[in-house]
């Protein structure tokens, strides 16, 4: 369960707006670098969304897992998030 759901959904709406802007820019044959800048804004917004999701997960799910001594699950999930190879 996400605790910052409204903040997360707000970020998703912003990302959707950026994606729509990119689509319109391409349809309108806008200058390539302008499209790239908009794409980079989407990537930054997605990275910020990831940060919110990970922070929420750590503050709530990981804390609960630690209370239940589920340390292997915690480690496994964090490794998967950061794509470390075992």
PDB file of N, CA and C in Angstrom:
ATOM      1  N   UNK A   1       0.839  -1.182   0.000  1.00  0.00           N
ATOM      2  CA  UNK A   1       0.000   0.000   0.000  1.00  0.00           C
ATOM      3  C   UNK A   1       0.885   1.247   0.000  1.00  0.00           C
ATOM      4  N   UNK A   2       0.576   2.166  -0.877  1.00  0.00           N
ATOM      5  CA  UNK A   2       1.339   3.415  -0.959  1.00  0.00           C
ATOM      6  C   UNK A   2       0.745   4.444  -0.013  1.00  0.00           C
ATOM      7  N   UNK A   3       1.600   5.131   0.704  1.00  0.00           N
ATOM      8  CA  UNK A   3       1.147   6.126   1.666  1.00  0.00           C
ATOM      9  C   UNK A   3       1.103   7.536   1.087  1.00  0.00           C
ATOM     10  N   UNK A   4       1.901   7.792   0.068  1.00  0.00           N
ATOM     11  CA  UNK A   4       1.931   9.107  -0.590  1.00  0.00           C
ATOM     12  C   UNK A   4       1.220   9.035  -1.942  1.00  0.00           C
ATOM     13  N   UNK A   5       0.095   8.328  -1.971  1.00  0.00           N
ATOM     14  CA  UNK A   5      -0.604   8.043  -3.224  1.00  0.00           C
ATOM     15  C   UNK A   5      -0.974   9.306  -4.002  1.00  0.00           C
ATOM     16  N   UNK A   6      -1.489  10.328  -3.332  1.00  0.00           N
ATOM     17  CA  UNK A   6      -1.911  11.538  -4.056  1.00  0.00           C
ATOM     18  C   UNK A   6      -0.711  12.249  -4.681  1.00  0.00           C
ATOM     19  N   UNK A   7       0.402  12.272  -3.970  1.00  0.00           N
ATOM     20  CA  UNK A   7       1.619  12.890  -4.502  1.00  0.00           C
ATOM     21  C   UNK A   7       2.136  12.102  -5.709  1.00  0.00           C
ATOM     22  N   UNK A   8       2.079  10.790  -5.615  1.00  0.00           N
ATOM     23  CA  UNK A   8       2.543   9.917  -6.698  1.00  0.00           C
ATOM     24  C   UNK A   8       1.645  10.074  -7.923  1.00  0.00           C
ATOM     25  N   UNK A   9       0.337  10.072  -7.715  1.00  0.00           N
ATOM     26  CA  UNK A   9      -0.593  10.233  -8.837  1.00  0.00           C
ATOM     27  C   UNK A   9      -0.441  11.597  -9.497  1.00  0.00           C
ATOM     28  N   UNK A  10      -0.160  12.624  -8.698  1.00  0.00           N
ATOM     29  CA  UNK A  10       0.072  13.959  -9.245  1.00  0.00           C
ATOM     30  C   UNK A  10       1.283  13.950 -10.175  1.00  0.00           C
ATOM     31  N   UNK A  11       2.344  13.287  -9.744  1.00  0.00           N
ATOM     32  CA  UNK A  11       3.555  13.187 -10.579  1.00  0.00           C
ATOM     33  C   UNK A  11       3.272  12.457 -11.887  1.00  0.00           C
ATOM     34  N   UNK A  12       2.448  11.417 -11.812  1.00  0.00           N
ATOM     35  CA  UNK A  12       2.104  10.660 -13.015  1.00  0.00           C
ATOM     36  C   UNK A  12       1.338  11.537 -13.997  1.00  0.00           C
ATOM     37  N   UNK A  13       0.451  12.369 -13.503  1.00  0.00           N
ATOM     38  CA  UNK A  13      -0.295  13.282 -14.373  1.00  0.00           C
ATOM     39  C   UNK A  13       0.651  14.270 -15.060  1.00  0.00           C
ATOM     40  N   UNK A  14       1.635  14.736 -14.345  1.00  0.00           N
ATOM     41  CA  UNK A  14       2.632  15.637 -14.935  1.00  0.00           C
ATOM     42  C   UNK A  14       3.399  14.913 -16.048  1.00  0.00           C
ATOM     43  N   UNK A  15       3.782  13.671 -15.791  1.00  0.00           N
ATOM     44  CA  UNK A  15       4.512  12.875 -16.784  1.00  0.00           C
ATOM     45  C   UNK A  15       3.647  12.664 -18.024  1.00  0.00           C
ATOM     46  N   UNK A  16       2.376  12.358 -17.825  1.00  0.00           N
ATOM     47  CA  UNK A  16       1.463  12.200 -18.963  1.00  0.00           C
ATOM     48  C   UNK A  16       1.418  13.475 -19.798  1.00  0.00           C
ATOM     49  N   UNK A  17       1.405  14.617 -19.137  1.00  0.00           N
ATOM     50  CA  UNK A  17       1.410  15.891 -19.852  1.00  0.00           C
ATOM     51  C   UNK A  17       2.663  16.069 -20.686  1.00  0.00           C
ATOM     52  N   UNK A  18       3.803  15.695 -20.127  1.00  0.00           N
ATOM     53  CA  UNK A  18       5.069  15.771 -20.871  1.00  0.00           C
ATOM     54  C   UNK A  18       5.041  14.844 -22.085  1.00  0.00           C
ATOM     55  N   UNK A  19       4.534  13.638 -21.903  1.00  0.00           N
ATOM     56  CA  UNK A  19       4.459  12.663 -23.002  1.00  0.00           C
ATOM     57  C   UNK A  19       3.558  13.203 -24.112  1.00  0.00           C
ATOM     58  N   UNK A  20       2.416  13.760 -23.736  1.00  0.00           N
ATOM     59  CA  UNK A  20       1.508  14.348 -24.731  1.00  0.00           C
ATOM     60  C   UNK A  20       2.184  15.493 -25.478  1.00  0.00           C
ATOM     61  N   UNK A  21       2.976  16.277 -24.757  1.00  0.00           N
ATOM     62  CA  UNK A  21       3.696  17.388 -25.394  1.00  0.00           C
ATOM     63  C   UNK A  21       4.707  16.865 -26.408  1.00  0.00           C
ATOM     64  N   UNK A  22       5.394  15.788 -26.071  1.00  0.00           N
ATOM     65  CA  UNK A  22       6.352  15.195 -27.008  1.00  0.00           C
ATOM     66  C   UNK A  22       5.631  14.713 -28.261  1.00  0.00           C
ATOM     67  N   UNK A  23       4.527  14.039 -28.078  1.00  0.00           N
ATOM     68  CA  UNK A  23       3.759  13.543 -29.215  1.00  0.00           C
ATOM     69  C   UNK A  23       3.337  14.697 -30.131  1.00  0.00           C
ATOM     70  N   UNK A  24       2.832  15.773 -29.539  1.00  0.00           N
ATOM     71  CA  UNK A  24       2.392  16.942 -30.308  1.00  0.00           C
ATOM     72  C   UNK A  24       3.573  17.592 -31.021  1.00  0.00           C
ATOM     73  N   UNK A  25       4.707  17.683 -30.336  1.00  0.00           N
ATOM     74  CA  UNK A  25       5.893  18.282 -30.936  1.00  0.00           C
ATOM     75  C   UNK A  25       6.330  17.494 -32.171  1.00  0.00           C
ATOM     76  N   UNK A  26       6.280  16.173 -32.081  1.00  0.00           N
ATOM     77  CA  UNK A  26       6.667  15.331 -33.216  1.00  0.00           C
ATOM     78  C   UNK A  26       5.665  15.504 -34.355  1.00  0.00           C
ATOM     79  N   UNK A  27       4.373  15.518 -34.004  1.00  0.00           N
ATOM     80  CA  UNK A  27       3.346  15.732 -35.031  1.00  0.00           C
ATOM     81  C   UNK A  27       3.525  17.073 -35.743  1.00  0.00           C
ATOM     82  N   UNK A  28       3.959  18.076 -34.986  1.00  0.00           N
ATOM     83  CA  UNK A  28       4.136  19.429 -35.525  1.00  0.00           C
ATOM     84  C   UNK A  28       5.514  19.664 -36.148  1.00  0.00           C
ATOM     85  N   UNK A  29       6.308  18.592 -36.248  1.00  0.00           N
ATOM     86  CA  UNK A  29       7.666  18.687 -36.810  1.00  0.00           C
ATOM     87  C   UNK A  29       8.520  19.736 -36.110  1.00  0.00           C
ATOM     88  N   UNK A  30       8.459  19.747 -34.806  1.00  0.00           N
ATOM     89  CA  UNK A  30       9.260  20.692 -34.037  1.00  0.00           C
ATOM     90  C   UNK A  30      10.737  20.331 -34.122  1.00  0.00           C
ATOM     91  N   UNK A  31      11.554  21.292 -33.820  1.00  0.00           N
ATOM     92  CA  UNK A  31      13.014  21.145 -33.853  1.00  0.00           C
ATOM     93  C   UNK A  31      13.428  19.976 -32.943  1.00  0.00           C
ATOM     94  N   UNK A  32      14.287  19.110 -33.472  1.00  0.00           N
ATOM     95  CA  UNK A  32      14.678  17.875 -32.776  1.00  0.00           C
ATOM     96  C   UNK A  32      15.166  18.102 -31.345  1.00  0.00           C
ATOM     97  N   UNK A  33      16.012  19.102 -31.167  1.00  0.00           N
ATOM     98  CA  UNK A  33      16.550  19.330 -29.822  1.00  0.00           C
ATOM     99  C   UNK A  33      15.475  19.774 -28.841  1.00  0.00           C
ATOM    100  N   UNK A  34      14.452  20.461 -29.326  1.00  0.00           N
ATOM    101  CA  UNK A  34      13.333  20.815 -28.448  1.00  0.00           C
ATOM    102  C   UNK A  34      12.611  19.556 -27.976  1.00  0.00           C
ATOM    103  N   UNK A  35      12.468  18.593 -28.883  1.00  0.00           N
ATOM    104  CA  UNK A  35      11.834  17.319 -28.526  1.00  0.00           C
ATOM    105  C   UNK A  35      12.707  16.565 -27.529  1.00  0.00           C
ATOM    106  N   UNK A  36      13.996  16.561 -27.767  1.00  0.00           N
ATOM    107  CA  UNK A  36      14.928  15.895 -26.847  1.00  0.00           C
ATOM    108  C   UNK A  36      14.849  16.520 -25.457  1.00  0.00           C
ATOM    109  N   UNK A  37      14.797  17.834 -25.374  1.00  0.00           N
ATOM    110  CA  UNK A  37      14.695  18.505 -24.069  1.00  0.00           C
ATOM    111  C   UNK A  37      13.421  18.085 -23.349  1.00  0.00           C
ATOM    112  N   UNK A  38      12.331  17.971 -24.088  1.00  0.00           N
ATOM    113  CA  UNK A  38      11.082  17.530 -23.479  1.00  0.00           C
ATOM    114  C   UNK A  38      11.200  16.076 -23.016  1.00  0.00           C
ATOM    115  N   UNK A  39      11.855  15.248 -23.819  1.00  0.00           N
ATOM    116  CA  UNK A  39      12.080  13.852 -23.448  1.00  0.00           C
ATOM    117  C   UNK A  39      12.928  13.758 -22.176  1.00  0.00           C
ATOM    118  N   UNK A  40      13.937  14.601 -22.095  1.00  0.00           N
ATOM    119  CA  UNK A  40      14.773  14.612 -20.890  1.00  0.00           C
ATOM    120  C   UNK A  40      13.969  15.032 -19.663  1.00  0.00           C
ATOM    121  N   UNK A  41      13.010  15.925 -19.852  1.00  0.00           N
ATOM    122  CA  UNK A  41      12.136  16.329 -18.746  1.00  0.00           C
ATOM    123  C   UNK A  41      11.305  15.142 -18.270  1.00  0.00           C
ATOM    124  N   UNK A  42      10.852  14.314 -19.207  1.00  0.00           N
ATOM    125  CA  UNK A  42      10.091  13.111 -18.850  1.00  0.00           C
ATOM    126  C   UNK A  42      10.982  12.151 -18.067  1.00  0.00           C
ATOM    127  N   UNK A  43      12.204  11.964 -18.551  1.00  0.00           N
ATOM    128  CA  UNK A  43      13.122  11.054 -17.862  1.00  0.00           C
ATOM    129  C   UNK A  43      13.402  11.527 -16.443  1.00  0.00           C
ATOM    130  N   UNK A  44      13.579  12.834 -16.267  1.00  0.00           N
ATOM    131  CA  UNK A  44      13.810  13.390 -14.943  1.00  0.00           C
ATOM    132  C   UNK A  44      12.574  13.197 -14.059  1.00  0.00           C
ATOM    133  N   UNK A  45      11.400  13.421 -14.641  1.00  0.00           N
ATOM    134  CA  UNK A  45      10.160  13.245 -13.890  1.00  0.00           C
ATOM    135  C   UNK A  45       9.979  11.785 -13.467  1.00  0.00           C
ATOM    136  N   UNK A  46      10.329  10.848 -14.355  1.00  0.00           N
ATOM    137  CA  UNK A  46      10.241   9.431 -14.015  1.00  0.00           C
ATOM    138  C   UNK A  46      11.232   9.065 -12.907  1.00  0.00           C
ATOM    139  N   UNK A  47      12.410   9.641 -12.967  1.00  0.00           N
ATOM    140  CA  UNK A  47      13.407   9.390 -11.918  1.00  0.00           C
ATOM    141  C   UNK A  47      12.906   9.911 -10.573  1.00  0.00           C
ATOM    142  N   UNK A  48      12.278  11.092 -10.593  1.00  0.00           N
ATOM    143  CA  UNK A  48      11.703  11.641  -9.367  1.00  0.00           C
ATOM    144  C   UNK A  48      10.560  10.770  -8.851  1.00  0.00           C
ATOM    145  N   UNK A  49       9.761  10.234  -9.775  1.00  0.00           N
ATOM    146  CA  UNK A  49       8.685   9.316  -9.389  1.00  0.00           C
ATOM    147  C   UNK A  49       9.271   8.074  -8.736  1.00  0.00           C
ATOM    148  N   UNK A  50      10.315   7.517  -9.338  1.00  0.00           N
ATOM    149  CA  UNK A  50      10.993   6.358  -8.737  1.00  0.00           C
ATOM    150  C   UNK A  50      11.458   6.682  -7.318  1.00  0.00           C
ATOM    151  N   UNK A  51      12.015   7.859  -7.150  1.00  0.00           N
ATOM    152  CA  UNK A  51      12.477   8.273  -5.824  1.00  0.00           C
ATOM    153  C   UNK A  51      11.349   8.308  -4.813  1.00  0.00           C
ATOM    154  N   UNK A  52      10.205   8.843  -5.203  1.00  0.00           N
ATOM    155  CA  UNK A  52       9.038   8.858  -4.306  1.00  0.00           C
ATOM    156  C   UNK A  52       8.593   7.443  -3.954  1.00  0.00           C
ATOM    157  N   UNK A  53       8.523   6.591  -4.975  1.00  0.00           N
ATOM    158  CA  UNK A  53       8.078   5.213  -4.746  1.00  0.00           C
ATOM    159  C   UNK A  53       9.045   4.455  -3.842  1.00  0.00           C
ATOM    160  N   UNK A  54      10.331   4.603  -4.098  1.00  0.00           N
ATOM    161  CA  UNK A  54      11.337   3.907  -3.283  1.00  0.00           C
ATOM    162  C   UNK A  54      11.327   4.440  -1.857  1.00  0.00           C
ATOM    163  N   UNK A  55      11.226   5.749  -1.699  1.00  0.00           N
ATOM    164  CA  UNK A  55      11.174   6.338  -0.361  1.00  0.00           C
ATOM    165  C   UNK A  55       9.969   5.823   0.407  1.00  0.00           C
ATOM    166  N   UNK A  56       8.820   5.791  -0.249  1.00  0.00           N
ATOM    167  CA  UNK A  56       7.605   5.283   0.380  1.00  0.00           C
ATOM    168  C   UNK A  56       7.792   3.821   0.781  1.00  0.00           C
ATOM    169  N   UNK A  57       8.386   3.047  -0.125  1.00  0.00           N
ATOM    170  CA  UNK A  57       8.620   1.630   0.160  1.00  0.00           C
ATOM    171  C   UNK A  57       9.532   1.450   1.376  1.00  0.00           C
ATOM    172  N   UNK A  58      10.607   2.193   1.410  1.00  0.00           N
ATOM    173  CA  UNK A  58      11.553   2.064   2.521  1.00  0.00           C
ATOM    174  C   UNK A  58      10.909   2.506   3.832  1.00  0.00           C
ATOM    175  N   UNK A  59      10.233   3.648   3.807  1.00  0.00           N
ATOM    176  CA  UNK A  59       9.636   4.183   5.037  1.00  0.00           C
ATOM    177  C   UNK A  59       8.517   3.321   5.600  1.00  0.00           C
ATOM    178  N   UNK A  60       7.883   2.535   4.755  1.00  0.00           N
ATOM    179  CA  UNK A  60       6.740   1.772   5.248  1.00  0.00           C
ATOM    180  C   UNK A  60       6.945   0.265   5.125  1.00  0.00           C
ATOM    181  N   UNK A  61       7.133  -0.227   3.930  1.00  0.00           N
ATOM    182  CA  UNK A  61       7.253  -1.678   3.728  1.00  0.00           C
ATOM    183  C   UNK A  61       8.513  -2.249   4.366  1.00  0.00           C
ATOM    184  N   UNK A  62       9.638  -1.608   4.123  1.00  0.00           N
ATOM    185  CA  UNK A  62      10.899  -2.127   4.667  1.00  0.00           C
ATOM    186  C   UNK A  62      10.888  -2.078   6.195  1.00  0.00           C
ATOM    187  N   UNK A  63      10.349  -1.018   6.752  1.00  0.00           N
ATOM    188  CA  UNK A  63      10.263  -0.919   8.219  1.00  0.00           C
ATOM    189  C   UNK A  63       9.426  -2.073   8.770  1.00  0.00           C
ATOM    190  N   UNK A  64       8.286  -2.351   8.132  1.00  0.00           N
ATOM    191  CA  UNK A  64       7.431  -3.462   8.585  1.00  0.00           C
ATOM    192  C   UNK A  64       8.138  -4.801   8.415  1.00  0.00           C
ATOM    193  N   UNK A  65       8.845  -4.983   7.289  1.00  0.00           N
ATOM    194  CA  UNK A  65       9.587  -6.224   7.064  1.00  0.00           C
ATOM    195  C   UNK A  65      10.677  -6.402   8.118  1.00  0.00           C
ATOM    196  N   UNK A  66      11.330  -5.309   8.493  1.00  0.00           N
ATOM    197  CA  UNK A  66      12.384  -5.386   9.517  1.00  0.00           C
ATOM    198  C   UNK A  66      11.798  -5.792  10.864  1.00  0.00           C
ATOM    199  N   UNK A  67      10.627  -5.276  11.185  1.00  0.00           N
ATOM    200  CA  UNK A  67       9.959  -5.648  12.444  1.00  0.00           C
ATOM    201  C   UNK A  67       9.663  -7.143  12.478  1.00  0.00           C
ATOM    202  N   UNK A  68       9.454  -7.736  11.304  1.00  0.00           N
ATOM    203  CA  UNK A  68       9.161  -9.165  11.200  1.00  0.00           C
ATOM    204  C   UNK A  68      10.424  -9.990  10.920  1.00  0.00           C
ATOM    205  N   UNK A  69      11.596  -9.349  11.042  1.00  0.00           N
ATOM    206  CA  UNK A  69      12.890 -10.003  10.806  1.00  0.00           C
ATOM    207  C   UNK A  69      13.005 -10.609   9.401  1.00  0.00           C
ATOM    208  N   UNK A  70      12.435  -9.953   8.405  1.00  0.00           N
ATOM    209  CA  UNK A  70      12.480 -10.429   7.023  1.00  0.00           C
ATOM    210  C   UNK A  70      13.643  -9.769   6.269  1.00  0.00           C
ATOM    211  N   UNK A  71      14.833  -9.923   6.833  1.00  0.00           N
ATOM    212  CA  UNK A  71      15.998  -9.236   6.302  1.00  0.00           C
ATOM    213  C   UNK A  71      16.407  -9.728   4.915  1.00  0.00           C
ATOM    214  N   UNK A  72      16.256 -11.027   4.652  1.00  0.00           N
ATOM    215  CA  UNK A  72      16.603 -11.546   3.327  1.00  0.00           C
ATOM    216  C   UNK A  72      15.683 -10.950   2.265  1.00  0.00           C
ATOM    217  N   UNK A  73      14.403 -10.799   2.586  1.00  0.00           N
ATOM    218  CA  UNK A  73      13.450 -10.197   1.655  1.00  0.00           C
ATOM    219  C   UNK A  73      13.812  -8.738   1.393  1.00  0.00           C
ATOM    220  N   UNK A  74      14.180  -8.027   2.436  1.00  0.00           N
ATOM    221  CA  UNK A  74      14.587  -6.621   2.303  1.00  0.00           C
ATOM    222  C   UNK A  74      15.784  -6.525   1.359  1.00  0.00           C
ATOM    223  N   UNK A  75      16.804  -7.329   1.629  1.00  0.00           N
ATOM    224  CA  UNK A  75      18.018  -7.299   0.816  1.00  0.00           C
ATOM    225  C   UNK A  75      17.709  -7.662  -0.630  1.00  0.00           C
ATOM    226  N   UNK A  76      16.919  -8.707  -0.831  1.00  0.00           N
ATOM    227  CA  UNK A  76      16.573  -9.158  -2.175  1.00  0.00           C
ATOM    228  C   UNK A  76      15.840  -8.067  -2.957  1.00  0.00           C
ATOM    229  N   UNK A  77      14.890  -7.401  -2.321  1.00  0.00           N
ATOM    230  CA  UNK A  77      14.138  -6.334  -2.989  1.00  0.00           C
ATOM    231  C   UNK A  77      15.019  -5.143  -3.334  1.00  0.00           C
ATOM    232  N   UNK A  78      15.892  -4.751  -2.418  1.00  0.00           N
ATOM    233  CA  UNK A  78      16.779  -3.616  -2.689  1.00  0.00           C
ATOM    234  C   UNK A  78      17.760  -3.934  -3.804  1.00  0.00           C
ATOM    235  N   UNK A  79      18.268  -5.154  -3.808  1.00  0.00           N
ATOM    236  CA  UNK A  79      19.169  -5.566  -4.878  1.00  0.00           C
ATOM    237  C   UNK A  79      18.437  -5.528  -6.215  1.00  0.00           C
ATOM    238  N   UNK A  80      17.194  -5.996  -6.232  1.00  0.00           N
ATOM    239  CA  UNK A  80      16.402  -5.995  -7.467  1.00  0.00           C
ATOM    240  C   UNK A  80      16.130  -4.566  -7.945  1.00  0.00           C
ATOM    241  N   UNK A  81      15.825  -3.667  -7.023  1.00  0.00           N
ATOM    242  CA  UNK A  81      15.572  -2.263  -7.392  1.00  0.00           C
ATOM    243  C   UNK A  81      16.785  -1.660  -8.078  1.00  0.00           C
ATOM    244  N   UNK A  82      17.947  -1.901  -7.530  1.00  0.00           N
ATOM    245  CA  UNK A  82      19.164  -1.294  -8.058  1.00  0.00           C
ATOM    246  C   UNK A  82      19.874  -2.184  -9.072  1.00  0.00           C
ATOM    247  N   UNK A  83      19.260  -3.308  -9.405  1.00  0.00           N
ATOM    248  CA  UNK A  83      19.746  -4.233 -10.422  1.00  0.00           C
ATOM    249  C   UNK A  83      21.186  -4.676 -10.214  1.00  0.00           C
ATOM    250  N   UNK A  84      21.536  -4.898  -8.956  1.00  0.00           N
ATOM    251  CA  UNK A  84      22.861  -5.453  -8.673  1.00  0.00           C
ATOM    252  C   UNK A  84      22.815  -6.939  -9.015  1.00  0.00           C
ATOM    253  N   UNK A  85      23.862  -7.424  -9.614  1.00  0.00           N
ATOM    254  CA  UNK A  85      23.934  -8.837  -9.972  1.00  0.00           C
ATOM    255  C   UNK A  85      24.569  -9.608  -8.830  1.00  0.00           C
ATOM    256  N   UNK A  86      23.965 -10.732  -8.541  1.00  0.00           N
ATOM    257  CA  UNK A  86      24.489 -11.563  -7.452  1.00  0.00           C
ATOM    258  C   UNK A  86      25.439 -12.604  -7.991  1.00  0.00           C
TER     259      UNK A  86
END
